[in-house]
Each structure stands twice: as C-alpha cells, then as structure tokens.
C-alpha cells in the first residue's frame, strides 16, 4: 500500500521577501513553451488558477495549430488568451514577416496582459513568446518593462515571460532567468516540425 503524504505547506514569506516571482525562459533552444505549459500543469495540479497569454500564436477559431491548447482548453482552472494572426498557410507553409494585423494582435495581447496583471484572479500568469514579440518588432522593450512596472506595483501572482532574446534591464528585474540553448537540433538535417512534438 502506498504511503499517504501530507501536502507540503509553503511557509509564509519573511519580512521584506517577495512571495511572487518573475520567471524568464529564453533562448534559441527548444523547450520554452514546453516549460511554460509544464509549469501551468504543475500549478493546476496544486489547485492554483492559471492565465496563459500567447503572443503571435493566433487561432482563427477553426484551425488549431498548437496541440497543447487542445488539452489545456479541457482543464479546469486555466484561461487561455491566444493572440496573433494565422501564420500557417493552406499549403502547409509558414508566413514570415510583420504585417499590420500582427502589430494589432500584439497590442491586443499587451492589453490582455496588463488587465490580468491589474485585475486578474490567477495565481500564475504566463506571457508565452512575449519576448519573441519584442525580438521580431511586434512590441518594444518598453512595452514589456511597462508590464513589469504594473506587476511590481502589486505582485498578486507568479509571472512568467518567454521568448528568444533578453536585455540587461529585463534580466536585472527578473527573479529567475533560464536560457534554453540549442546544442544540436534535427532541423539542421531537414526534419520538419511535427505535431505533438514541435506544435
């Protein structure tokens, strides 16, 4: 018979210690969104509420290209906010570049993130690919730093940022920074992105 365990009680923060932290997961290695989704599942398993805002990962209401969202939509306690325009073409190719609609959708994601920081009831807020939105010119560094200013005014939840690049001021403000560094990738030998593994 398995031993029953008492749930671990998290001790209260000491005077002056921040209870909620800012996480940054970045780099050109695979695993940033996977990490965010794993953290979301862990938080849900602990009875926490999660809000996941995804930047530049659009959903037209019909064609879902991000497999994790099929599962996440069925879980209690998580609110999904996919933003961005469709980038998958009907022939299976991917649309690169920045168009007016991409900028509008990034702005919408920024508004959603700001509202959740100020008013949301979540325990964990994930801004997936917000740093990629900066790297590709959909948002500016000042937009992200503005979100951190809002957050620092009232740290009501854990905050996670992910994407490709960081900058010094962001690293200075974050409480945890993890780099996903590509050492080797099968893309280099022509293996395409695969459902359930890359998307």
N, C-alpha and C. Protein backbone atom coordinates (compact mmCIF):
# COMPACT_ATOMS: atom_id res chain seq x y z
N UNK A 1 0.85 -1.18 0.00
CA UNK A 1 0.00 0.00 0.00
C UNK A 1 0.89 1.23 0.00
N UNK A 2 0.53 2.22 -0.85
CA UNK A 2 1.33 3.44 -0.96
C UNK A 2 1.17 4.27 0.30
N UNK A 3 2.26 4.87 0.70
CA UNK A 3 2.24 5.73 1.88
C UNK A 3 1.52 7.03 1.54
N UNK A 4 0.61 7.45 2.42
CA UNK A 4 -0.10 8.72 2.21
C UNK A 4 0.79 9.86 2.65
N UNK A 5 0.86 10.86 1.82
CA UNK A 5 1.70 12.00 2.14
C UNK A 5 0.84 13.20 2.50
N UNK A 6 1.30 13.94 3.45
CA UNK A 6 0.65 15.20 3.81
C UNK A 6 1.14 16.26 2.84
N UNK A 7 0.22 17.04 2.24
CA UNK A 7 0.67 18.09 1.33
C UNK A 7 1.63 19.04 2.03
N UNK A 8 2.66 19.43 1.29
CA UNK A 8 3.66 20.34 1.85
C UNK A 8 3.06 21.73 1.98
N UNK A 9 3.23 22.32 3.12
CA UNK A 9 2.73 23.67 3.36
C UNK A 9 3.85 24.65 3.05
N UNK A 10 3.55 25.63 2.21
CA UNK A 10 4.55 26.63 1.87
C UNK A 10 4.59 27.66 3.00
N UNK A 11 5.76 27.86 3.59
CA UNK A 11 5.84 28.82 4.69
C UNK A 11 5.60 30.23 4.19
N UNK A 12 5.09 31.10 5.05
CA UNK A 12 4.88 32.49 4.64
C UNK A 12 6.22 33.18 4.38
N UNK A 13 6.17 34.21 3.56
CA UNK A 13 7.39 34.96 3.25
C UNK A 13 7.89 35.67 4.51
N UNK A 14 9.19 35.77 4.61
CA UNK A 14 9.79 36.53 5.69
C UNK A 14 9.60 38.01 5.41
N UNK A 15 9.71 38.85 6.41
CA UNK A 15 9.54 40.30 6.23
C UNK A 15 10.42 40.79 5.10
N UNK A 16 9.80 41.53 4.19
CA UNK A 16 10.55 42.11 3.08
C UNK A 16 10.78 41.17 1.91
N UNK A 17 10.45 39.89 2.05
CA UNK A 17 10.68 38.92 0.98
C UNK A 17 9.48 38.90 0.04
N UNK A 18 9.76 38.87 -1.26
CA UNK A 18 8.68 38.81 -2.25
C UNK A 18 8.11 37.39 -2.28
N UNK A 19 6.78 37.30 -2.23
CA UNK A 19 6.14 36.00 -2.29
C UNK A 19 6.10 35.51 -3.73
N UNK A 20 5.73 36.38 -4.66
CA UNK A 20 5.62 36.01 -6.06
C UNK A 20 6.85 36.49 -6.83
N UNK A 21 7.23 35.70 -7.82
CA UNK A 21 8.49 35.92 -8.54
C UNK A 21 8.25 36.10 -10.04
N UNK A 22 9.24 36.71 -10.70
CA UNK A 22 9.24 36.86 -12.15
C UNK A 22 10.20 35.83 -12.73
N UNK A 23 9.68 34.95 -13.59
CA UNK A 23 10.49 33.94 -14.28
C UNK A 23 10.70 34.38 -15.73
N UNK A 24 11.88 34.14 -16.26
CA UNK A 24 12.16 34.37 -17.68
C UNK A 24 12.78 33.10 -18.25
N UNK A 25 12.16 32.56 -19.28
CA UNK A 25 12.69 31.40 -20.01
C UNK A 25 12.93 31.87 -21.44
N UNK A 26 14.21 31.85 -21.86
CA UNK A 26 14.53 32.43 -23.16
C UNK A 26 15.59 31.61 -23.87
N UNK A 27 15.82 31.97 -25.13
CA UNK A 27 16.90 31.37 -25.90
C UNK A 27 16.41 30.78 -27.21
N UNK A 28 17.34 30.26 -27.98
CA UNK A 28 17.03 29.69 -29.28
C UNK A 28 16.92 28.17 -29.24
N UNK A 29 16.99 27.61 -28.05
CA UNK A 29 16.78 26.18 -27.91
C UNK A 29 15.31 25.85 -27.77
N UNK A 30 14.97 24.63 -28.11
CA UNK A 30 13.59 24.14 -27.99
C UNK A 30 13.25 23.97 -26.51
N UNK A 31 12.02 24.30 -26.14
CA UNK A 31 11.59 24.00 -24.79
C UNK A 31 10.96 25.12 -24.00
N UNK A 32 10.91 26.32 -24.55
CA UNK A 32 10.37 27.45 -23.78
C UNK A 32 8.87 27.31 -23.53
N UNK A 33 8.11 27.10 -24.58
CA UNK A 33 6.67 26.91 -24.40
C UNK A 33 6.39 25.62 -23.66
N UNK A 34 7.16 24.59 -23.94
CA UNK A 34 7.02 23.32 -23.22
C UNK A 34 7.19 23.54 -21.72
N UNK A 35 8.17 24.35 -21.35
CA UNK A 35 8.40 24.68 -19.95
C UNK A 35 7.20 25.43 -19.37
N UNK A 36 6.69 26.41 -20.12
CA UNK A 36 5.54 27.20 -19.65
C UNK A 36 4.32 26.30 -19.44
N UNK A 37 4.06 25.41 -20.39
CA UNK A 37 2.91 24.52 -20.27
C UNK A 37 3.10 23.57 -19.09
N UNK A 38 4.30 23.07 -18.90
CA UNK A 38 4.57 22.20 -17.76
C UNK A 38 4.34 22.92 -16.44
N UNK A 39 4.77 24.16 -16.35
CA UNK A 39 4.56 24.94 -15.13
C UNK A 39 3.07 25.19 -14.90
N UNK A 40 2.34 25.45 -15.99
CA UNK A 40 0.89 25.63 -15.88
C UNK A 40 0.23 24.37 -15.32
N UNK A 41 0.62 23.21 -15.84
CA UNK A 41 0.04 21.95 -15.37
C UNK A 41 0.39 21.72 -13.90
N UNK A 42 1.61 22.03 -13.53
CA UNK A 42 2.02 21.88 -12.12
C UNK A 42 1.17 22.76 -11.22
N UNK A 43 0.97 24.01 -11.64
CA UNK A 43 0.18 24.95 -10.83
C UNK A 43 -1.27 24.46 -10.73
N UNK A 44 -1.83 23.99 -11.84
CA UNK A 44 -3.20 23.46 -11.82
C UNK A 44 -3.30 22.27 -10.88
N UNK A 45 -2.28 21.42 -10.90
CA UNK A 45 -2.26 20.25 -10.03
C UNK A 45 -2.22 20.62 -8.56
N UNK A 46 -1.70 21.81 -8.26
CA UNK A 46 -1.64 22.29 -6.88
C UNK A 46 -2.87 23.12 -6.51
N UNK A 47 -3.87 23.11 -7.40
CA UNK A 47 -5.10 23.84 -7.11
C UNK A 47 -5.03 25.32 -7.40
N UNK A 48 -4.02 25.76 -8.16
CA UNK A 48 -3.87 27.17 -8.49
C UNK A 48 -4.62 27.50 -9.78
N UNK A 49 -4.95 28.78 -9.96
CA UNK A 49 -5.56 29.27 -11.20
C UNK A 49 -4.46 29.81 -12.10
N UNK A 50 -4.60 29.57 -13.41
CA UNK A 50 -3.58 29.94 -14.39
C UNK A 50 -4.22 30.76 -15.50
N UNK A 51 -3.50 31.78 -15.94
CA UNK A 51 -3.86 32.51 -17.16
C UNK A 51 -2.66 32.42 -18.10
N UNK A 52 -2.91 32.01 -19.33
CA UNK A 52 -1.86 31.84 -20.33
C UNK A 52 -2.16 32.73 -21.52
N UNK A 53 -1.33 33.77 -21.71
CA UNK A 53 -1.44 34.65 -22.86
C UNK A 53 -0.33 34.26 -23.82
N UNK A 54 -0.69 33.91 -25.04
CA UNK A 54 0.31 33.53 -26.04
C UNK A 54 0.37 34.60 -27.12
N UNK A 55 1.58 35.07 -27.39
CA UNK A 55 1.81 36.11 -28.38
C UNK A 55 2.21 35.48 -29.71
N UNK A 56 1.65 36.02 -30.80
CA UNK A 56 1.97 35.60 -32.16
C UNK A 56 1.71 34.11 -32.38
N UNK A 57 0.70 33.60 -31.68
CA UNK A 57 0.28 32.20 -31.85
C UNK A 57 -1.22 32.19 -32.05
N UNK A 58 -1.63 32.79 -33.16
CA UNK A 58 -3.03 33.03 -33.42
C UNK A 58 -3.88 31.78 -33.54
N UNK A 59 -5.16 32.00 -33.40
CA UNK A 59 -6.16 30.95 -33.54
C UNK A 59 -7.38 31.58 -34.19
N UNK A 60 -7.75 31.07 -35.34
CA UNK A 60 -8.87 31.65 -36.08
C UNK A 60 -10.22 31.09 -35.65
N UNK A 61 -10.23 30.28 -34.60
CA UNK A 61 -11.47 29.69 -34.12
C UNK A 61 -11.82 28.38 -34.79
N UNK A 62 -11.05 28.00 -35.78
CA UNK A 62 -11.33 26.77 -36.53
C UNK A 62 -10.10 25.88 -36.66
N UNK A 63 -8.99 26.45 -37.08
CA UNK A 63 -7.77 25.69 -37.31
C UNK A 63 -6.80 25.89 -36.16
N UNK A 64 -6.63 24.86 -35.35
CA UNK A 64 -5.74 24.93 -34.19
C UNK A 64 -4.42 24.26 -34.53
N UNK A 65 -3.34 25.05 -34.52
CA UNK A 65 -2.03 24.52 -34.89
C UNK A 65 -1.13 24.28 -33.67
N UNK A 66 -1.62 24.53 -32.49
CA UNK A 66 -0.81 24.33 -31.28
C UNK A 66 -1.49 23.27 -30.43
N UNK A 67 -0.96 22.07 -30.49
CA UNK A 67 -1.63 20.90 -29.92
C UNK A 67 -1.87 21.00 -28.43
N UNK A 68 -0.98 21.68 -27.70
CA UNK A 68 -1.16 21.78 -26.25
C UNK A 68 -2.49 22.44 -25.89
N UNK A 69 -2.99 23.32 -26.75
CA UNK A 69 -4.23 24.03 -26.44
C UNK A 69 -5.44 23.10 -26.49
N UNK A 70 -5.37 22.02 -27.26
CA UNK A 70 -6.47 21.04 -27.26
C UNK A 70 -6.68 20.50 -25.85
N UNK A 71 -5.60 20.20 -25.16
CA UNK A 71 -5.67 19.66 -23.80
C UNK A 71 -5.96 20.75 -22.79
N UNK A 72 -5.26 21.88 -22.90
CA UNK A 72 -5.41 22.94 -21.91
C UNK A 72 -6.84 23.46 -21.85
N UNK A 73 -7.52 23.52 -23.00
CA UNK A 73 -8.90 24.00 -23.02
C UNK A 73 -9.83 23.11 -22.18
N UNK A 74 -9.47 21.87 -21.99
CA UNK A 74 -10.31 20.96 -21.23
C UNK A 74 -10.00 20.90 -19.74
N UNK A 75 -9.00 21.66 -19.30
CA UNK A 75 -8.62 21.63 -17.89
C UNK A 75 -9.31 22.74 -17.12
N UNK A 76 -9.78 22.42 -15.92
CA UNK A 76 -10.38 23.43 -15.07
C UNK A 76 -9.30 24.30 -14.45
N UNK A 77 -9.58 25.58 -14.37
CA UNK A 77 -8.67 26.47 -13.67
C UNK A 77 -7.72 27.23 -14.56
N UNK A 78 -7.81 27.06 -15.89
CA UNK A 78 -6.92 27.78 -16.78
C UNK A 78 -7.73 28.60 -17.79
N UNK A 79 -7.28 29.82 -18.00
CA UNK A 79 -7.87 30.69 -19.01
C UNK A 79 -6.82 30.93 -20.09
N UNK A 80 -7.19 30.67 -21.34
CA UNK A 80 -6.28 30.82 -22.48
C UNK A 80 -6.61 32.07 -23.26
N UNK A 81 -5.55 32.79 -23.64
CA UNK A 81 -5.69 34.00 -24.44
C UNK A 81 -4.70 33.93 -25.60
N UNK A 82 -5.03 33.18 -26.66
CA UNK A 82 -4.15 33.15 -27.83
C UNK A 82 -4.29 34.45 -28.61
N UNK A 83 -3.17 35.08 -28.96
CA UNK A 83 -3.20 36.29 -29.77
C UNK A 83 -2.26 36.11 -30.95
N UNK A 84 -2.50 36.90 -31.98
CA UNK A 84 -1.69 36.80 -33.18
C UNK A 84 -2.53 36.39 -34.37
N UNK A 85 -2.04 36.70 -35.55
CA UNK A 85 -2.72 36.33 -36.79
C UNK A 85 -2.25 34.95 -37.23
N UNK A 86 -3.08 34.30 -38.00
CA UNK A 86 -2.74 32.98 -38.55
C UNK A 86 -1.47 33.08 -39.39
N UNK A 87 -0.52 32.21 -39.14
CA UNK A 87 0.72 32.19 -39.92
C UNK A 87 0.85 30.93 -40.78
N UNK A 88 0.03 29.92 -40.49
CA UNK A 88 0.07 28.71 -41.31
C UNK A 88 -0.79 28.92 -42.55
N UNK A 89 -0.19 28.71 -43.71
CA UNK A 89 -0.94 28.83 -44.97
C UNK A 89 -1.61 27.49 -45.29
N UNK A 90 -2.58 27.54 -46.18
CA UNK A 90 -3.32 26.32 -46.52
C UNK A 90 -2.43 25.27 -47.16
N UNK A 91 -1.31 25.68 -47.78
CA UNK A 91 -0.40 24.70 -48.39
C UNK A 91 0.60 24.11 -47.39
N UNK A 92 0.47 24.52 -46.10
CA UNK A 92 1.36 24.00 -45.07
C UNK A 92 2.59 24.83 -44.83
N UNK A 93 2.83 25.85 -45.66
CA UNK A 93 3.99 26.72 -45.45
C UNK A 93 3.67 27.74 -44.36
N UNK A 94 4.71 28.42 -43.91
CA UNK A 94 4.61 29.35 -42.79
C UNK A 94 4.85 30.77 -43.30
N UNK A 95 4.00 31.70 -42.88
CA UNK A 95 4.15 33.10 -43.26
C UNK A 95 5.10 33.81 -42.29
N UNK A 96 6.17 34.38 -42.83
CA UNK A 96 7.10 35.16 -42.02
C UNK A 96 6.81 36.64 -42.20
N UNK A 97 7.50 37.48 -41.46
CA UNK A 97 7.35 38.92 -41.61
C UNK A 97 6.29 39.49 -40.69
N UNK A 98 6.21 40.83 -40.70
CA UNK A 98 5.28 41.55 -39.82
C UNK A 98 4.33 42.36 -40.68
N UNK A 99 3.04 42.12 -40.49
CA UNK A 99 2.01 42.87 -41.19
C UNK A 99 1.20 43.66 -40.16
N UNK A 100 0.37 44.55 -40.66
CA UNK A 100 -0.42 45.42 -39.76
C UNK A 100 -1.24 44.60 -38.77
N UNK A 101 -1.85 43.53 -39.23
CA UNK A 101 -2.65 42.69 -38.33
C UNK A 101 -1.82 42.07 -37.22
N UNK A 102 -0.56 41.74 -37.51
CA UNK A 102 0.32 41.18 -36.48
C UNK A 102 0.57 42.19 -35.37
N UNK A 103 0.78 43.45 -35.76
CA UNK A 103 1.02 44.51 -34.79
C UNK A 103 -0.22 44.75 -33.92
N UNK A 104 -1.39 44.74 -34.55
CA UNK A 104 -2.63 44.94 -33.79
C UNK A 104 -2.85 43.81 -32.79
N UNK A 105 -2.59 42.58 -33.22
CA UNK A 105 -2.77 41.45 -32.32
C UNK A 105 -1.77 41.47 -31.17
N UNK A 106 -0.53 41.90 -31.44
CA UNK A 106 0.45 42.02 -30.36
C UNK A 106 -0.01 43.08 -29.36
N UNK A 107 -0.57 44.18 -29.86
CA UNK A 107 -1.11 45.20 -28.98
C UNK A 107 -2.27 44.68 -28.15
N UNK A 108 -3.10 43.83 -28.75
CA UNK A 108 -4.20 43.22 -28.01
C UNK A 108 -3.67 42.32 -26.90
N UNK A 109 -2.64 41.53 -27.22
CA UNK A 109 -2.03 40.68 -26.20
C UNK A 109 -1.46 41.49 -25.05
N UNK A 110 -0.85 42.63 -25.38
CA UNK A 110 -0.30 43.52 -24.35
C UNK A 110 -1.42 44.06 -23.45
N UNK A 111 -2.54 44.43 -24.05
CA UNK A 111 -3.68 44.91 -23.27
C UNK A 111 -4.23 43.83 -22.35
N UNK A 112 -4.35 42.61 -22.88
CA UNK A 112 -4.84 41.49 -22.07
C UNK A 112 -3.89 41.25 -20.90
N UNK A 113 -2.59 41.24 -21.17
CA UNK A 113 -1.60 41.01 -20.11
C UNK A 113 -1.69 42.09 -19.04
N UNK A 114 -1.81 43.34 -19.45
CA UNK A 114 -1.91 44.43 -18.48
C UNK A 114 -3.16 44.31 -17.62
N UNK A 115 -4.27 43.96 -18.25
CA UNK A 115 -5.51 43.79 -17.49
C UNK A 115 -5.40 42.65 -16.48
N UNK A 116 -4.79 41.55 -16.89
CA UNK A 116 -4.64 40.41 -15.98
C UNK A 116 -3.70 40.74 -14.82
N UNK A 117 -2.66 41.51 -15.10
CA UNK A 117 -1.75 41.91 -14.02
C UNK A 117 -2.48 42.80 -13.02
N UNK A 118 -3.31 43.70 -13.51
CA UNK A 118 -4.02 44.64 -12.62
C UNK A 118 -5.22 44.01 -11.92
N UNK A 119 -5.97 43.16 -12.65
CA UNK A 119 -7.28 42.75 -12.16
C UNK A 119 -7.53 41.25 -12.14
N UNK A 120 -6.67 40.46 -12.74
CA UNK A 120 -6.93 39.04 -12.91
C UNK A 120 -6.94 38.28 -11.60
N UNK A 121 -7.67 37.17 -11.60
CA UNK A 121 -7.76 36.34 -10.40
C UNK A 121 -6.83 35.14 -10.43
N UNK A 122 -5.85 35.13 -11.34
CA UNK A 122 -4.96 33.99 -11.48
C UNK A 122 -3.85 34.00 -10.42
N UNK A 123 -3.33 32.81 -10.14
CA UNK A 123 -2.17 32.66 -9.26
C UNK A 123 -0.88 32.64 -10.07
N UNK A 124 -0.98 32.24 -11.34
CA UNK A 124 0.16 32.16 -12.25
C UNK A 124 -0.25 32.79 -13.57
N UNK A 125 0.52 33.77 -14.02
CA UNK A 125 0.28 34.42 -15.30
C UNK A 125 1.48 34.16 -16.21
N UNK A 126 1.23 33.52 -17.35
CA UNK A 126 2.29 33.19 -18.31
C UNK A 126 2.09 34.03 -19.56
N UNK A 127 3.14 34.75 -19.95
CA UNK A 127 3.14 35.53 -21.18
C UNK A 127 4.09 34.83 -22.15
N UNK A 128 3.56 33.81 -22.81
CA UNK A 128 4.35 32.96 -23.69
C UNK A 128 4.70 33.70 -24.98
N UNK A 129 5.97 33.73 -25.30
CA UNK A 129 6.52 34.36 -26.51
C UNK A 129 6.40 35.88 -26.52
N UNK A 130 6.18 36.49 -25.36
CA UNK A 130 6.17 37.95 -25.32
C UNK A 130 7.55 38.51 -25.68
N UNK A 131 8.60 37.79 -25.32
CA UNK A 131 9.96 38.26 -25.65
C UNK A 131 10.26 38.05 -27.13
N UNK A 132 9.67 37.04 -27.74
CA UNK A 132 9.80 36.86 -29.19
C UNK A 132 9.09 37.99 -29.91
N UNK A 133 7.96 38.45 -29.37
CA UNK A 133 7.24 39.57 -29.97
C UNK A 133 8.12 40.81 -29.99
N UNK A 134 8.95 40.99 -28.96
CA UNK A 134 9.90 42.11 -28.95
C UNK A 134 11.00 41.86 -29.97
N UNK A 135 11.54 40.66 -29.99
CA UNK A 135 12.66 40.34 -30.89
C UNK A 135 12.28 40.55 -32.35
N UNK A 136 11.02 40.33 -32.70
CA UNK A 136 10.60 40.43 -34.09
C UNK A 136 9.84 41.71 -34.41
N UNK A 137 9.91 42.69 -33.51
CA UNK A 137 9.37 44.02 -33.79
C UNK A 137 7.87 44.18 -33.65
N UNK A 138 7.21 43.22 -32.99
CA UNK A 138 5.78 43.35 -32.75
C UNK A 138 5.49 44.21 -31.53
N UNK A 139 6.41 44.21 -30.58
CA UNK A 139 6.34 45.03 -29.37
C UNK A 139 7.72 45.63 -29.14
N UNK A 140 7.81 46.61 -28.25
CA UNK A 140 9.09 47.18 -27.86
C UNK A 140 9.51 46.72 -26.48
N UNK A 141 10.77 46.86 -26.17
CA UNK A 141 11.25 46.52 -24.83
C UNK A 141 10.48 47.31 -23.77
N UNK A 142 10.18 48.58 -24.09
CA UNK A 142 9.43 49.42 -23.14
C UNK A 142 8.06 48.88 -22.81
N UNK A 143 7.44 48.17 -23.77
CA UNK A 143 6.14 47.56 -23.51
C UNK A 143 6.25 46.51 -22.41
N UNK A 144 7.28 45.68 -22.51
CA UNK A 144 7.47 44.62 -21.51
C UNK A 144 7.87 45.22 -20.16
N UNK A 145 8.75 46.21 -20.19
CA UNK A 145 9.16 46.83 -18.94
C UNK A 145 7.98 47.54 -18.28
N UNK A 146 7.07 48.08 -19.09
CA UNK A 146 5.85 48.68 -18.54
C UNK A 146 4.98 47.65 -17.83
N UNK A 147 4.92 46.44 -18.39
CA UNK A 147 4.18 45.36 -17.71
C UNK A 147 4.83 45.03 -16.37
N UNK A 148 6.16 45.03 -16.33
CA UNK A 148 6.86 44.75 -15.07
C UNK A 148 6.61 45.86 -14.05
N UNK A 149 6.51 47.11 -14.50
CA UNK A 149 6.18 48.21 -13.59
C UNK A 149 4.80 47.98 -12.97
N UNK A 150 3.83 47.60 -13.81
CA UNK A 150 2.49 47.29 -13.30
C UNK A 150 2.55 46.15 -12.29
N UNK A 151 3.30 45.13 -12.65
CA UNK A 151 3.41 43.95 -11.79
C UNK A 151 4.04 44.28 -10.44
N UNK A 152 5.11 45.07 -10.47
CA UNK A 152 5.80 45.40 -9.22
C UNK A 152 4.96 46.28 -8.30
N UNK A 153 3.96 46.95 -8.86
CA UNK A 153 3.07 47.76 -8.02
C UNK A 153 2.19 46.89 -7.14
N UNK A 154 1.96 45.65 -7.56
CA UNK A 154 1.11 44.73 -6.78
C UNK A 154 1.35 43.31 -7.27
N UNK A 155 2.32 42.63 -6.68
CA UNK A 155 2.69 41.28 -7.13
C UNK A 155 1.67 40.27 -6.61
N UNK A 156 0.53 40.18 -7.29
CA UNK A 156 -0.55 39.32 -6.83
C UNK A 156 -0.45 37.90 -7.34
N UNK A 157 0.49 37.62 -8.25
CA UNK A 157 0.60 36.28 -8.83
C UNK A 157 2.05 36.07 -9.29
N UNK A 158 2.36 34.83 -9.60
CA UNK A 158 3.64 34.50 -10.22
C UNK A 158 3.57 34.94 -11.68
N UNK A 159 4.66 35.47 -12.23
CA UNK A 159 4.67 35.97 -13.60
C UNK A 159 5.79 35.29 -14.38
N UNK A 160 5.44 34.78 -15.57
CA UNK A 160 6.40 34.09 -16.43
C UNK A 160 6.43 34.76 -17.80
N UNK A 161 7.64 35.02 -18.30
CA UNK A 161 7.86 35.58 -19.63
C UNK A 161 8.72 34.60 -20.41
N UNK A 162 8.38 34.38 -21.70
CA UNK A 162 9.23 33.52 -22.51
C UNK A 162 9.45 34.14 -23.88
N UNK A 163 10.47 33.65 -24.57
CA UNK A 163 10.79 34.13 -25.91
C UNK A 163 12.26 33.96 -26.22
N UNK A 164 12.68 34.56 -27.32
CA UNK A 164 14.03 34.31 -27.81
C UNK A 164 15.12 35.11 -27.13
N UNK A 165 14.93 36.42 -26.97
CA UNK A 165 16.02 37.29 -26.51
C UNK A 165 15.65 38.03 -25.24
N UNK A 166 16.67 38.32 -24.45
CA UNK A 166 16.52 39.17 -23.27
C UNK A 166 17.41 40.39 -23.43
N UNK A 167 17.27 41.33 -22.53
CA UNK A 167 18.13 42.50 -22.49
C UNK A 167 18.49 42.75 -21.04
N UNK A 168 19.54 43.53 -20.82
CA UNK A 168 20.11 43.68 -19.48
C UNK A 168 19.10 44.14 -18.44
N UNK A 169 18.28 45.14 -18.77
CA UNK A 169 17.33 45.66 -17.79
C UNK A 169 16.29 44.61 -17.40
N UNK A 170 15.92 43.77 -18.36
CA UNK A 170 14.96 42.71 -18.05
C UNK A 170 15.59 41.66 -17.13
N UNK A 171 16.80 41.26 -17.43
CA UNK A 171 17.50 40.28 -16.59
C UNK A 171 17.64 40.81 -15.17
N UNK A 172 17.93 42.10 -15.06
CA UNK A 172 18.08 42.72 -13.74
C UNK A 172 16.77 42.66 -12.95
N UNK A 173 15.66 42.83 -13.61
CA UNK A 173 14.36 42.87 -12.92
C UNK A 173 13.83 41.48 -12.60
N UNK A 174 14.21 40.48 -13.37
CA UNK A 174 13.67 39.12 -13.18
C UNK A 174 14.26 38.48 -11.92
N UNK A 175 13.51 37.56 -11.35
CA UNK A 175 13.97 36.81 -10.18
C UNK A 175 14.59 35.48 -10.56
N UNK A 176 14.21 34.95 -11.73
CA UNK A 176 14.74 33.69 -12.24
C UNK A 176 14.90 33.84 -13.74
N UNK A 177 16.07 33.49 -14.25
CA UNK A 177 16.33 33.55 -15.69
C UNK A 177 16.96 32.22 -16.10
N UNK A 178 16.31 31.54 -17.05
CA UNK A 178 16.83 30.27 -17.57
C UNK A 178 16.97 30.39 -19.08
N UNK A 179 18.15 30.04 -19.58
CA UNK A 179 18.39 30.08 -21.02
C UNK A 179 18.25 28.68 -21.60
N UNK A 180 17.43 28.57 -22.65
CA UNK A 180 17.33 27.34 -23.42
C UNK A 180 18.30 27.48 -24.59
N UNK A 181 19.42 26.81 -24.51
CA UNK A 181 20.47 26.97 -25.53
C UNK A 181 20.49 25.76 -26.45
N UNK A 182 20.43 26.04 -27.75
CA UNK A 182 20.47 24.95 -28.72
C UNK A 182 21.90 24.42 -28.82
N UNK A 183 22.09 23.17 -28.55
CA UNK A 183 23.37 22.49 -28.75
C UNK A 183 23.34 21.72 -30.07
N UNK A 184 22.20 21.09 -30.33
CA UNK A 184 22.03 20.30 -31.55
C UNK A 184 20.53 20.22 -31.83
N UNK A 185 20.14 20.27 -33.09
CA UNK A 185 18.72 20.19 -33.43
C UNK A 185 18.56 19.45 -34.74
N UNK A 186 17.57 18.55 -34.79
CA UNK A 186 17.34 17.76 -36.00
C UNK A 186 16.80 18.59 -37.16
N UNK A 187 16.39 19.83 -36.92
CA UNK A 187 16.04 20.72 -38.04
C UNK A 187 17.20 20.83 -39.02
N UNK A 188 18.43 20.83 -38.48
CA UNK A 188 19.62 21.04 -39.31
C UNK A 188 19.78 19.94 -40.36
N UNK A 189 19.20 18.76 -40.12
CA UNK A 189 19.30 17.70 -41.12
C UNK A 189 17.99 17.54 -41.90
N UNK A 190 17.11 18.55 -41.77
CA UNK A 190 15.92 18.58 -42.59
C UNK A 190 14.67 17.99 -42.00
N UNK A 191 14.69 17.59 -40.74
CA UNK A 191 13.49 17.04 -40.11
C UNK A 191 12.48 18.17 -39.91
N UNK A 192 11.27 18.04 -40.43
CA UNK A 192 10.28 19.12 -40.29
C UNK A 192 9.66 19.15 -38.90
N UNK A 193 8.99 20.25 -38.60
CA UNK A 193 8.23 20.35 -37.35
C UNK A 193 7.13 19.30 -37.36
N UNK A 194 6.93 18.65 -36.23
CA UNK A 194 5.98 17.54 -36.15
C UNK A 194 4.89 17.79 -35.11
N UNK A 195 3.64 17.46 -35.45
CA UNK A 195 2.55 17.62 -34.48
C UNK A 195 2.83 16.82 -33.22
N UNK A 196 2.55 17.42 -32.09
CA UNK A 196 2.74 16.73 -30.81
C UNK A 196 4.16 16.83 -30.27
N UNK A 197 5.10 17.30 -31.09
CA UNK A 197 6.47 17.46 -30.65
C UNK A 197 6.88 18.93 -30.73
N UNK A 198 6.71 19.54 -31.90
CA UNK A 198 7.05 20.95 -32.06
C UNK A 198 5.83 21.86 -31.95
N UNK A 199 4.66 21.33 -32.24
CA UNK A 199 3.47 22.18 -32.16
C UNK A 199 2.25 21.32 -31.85
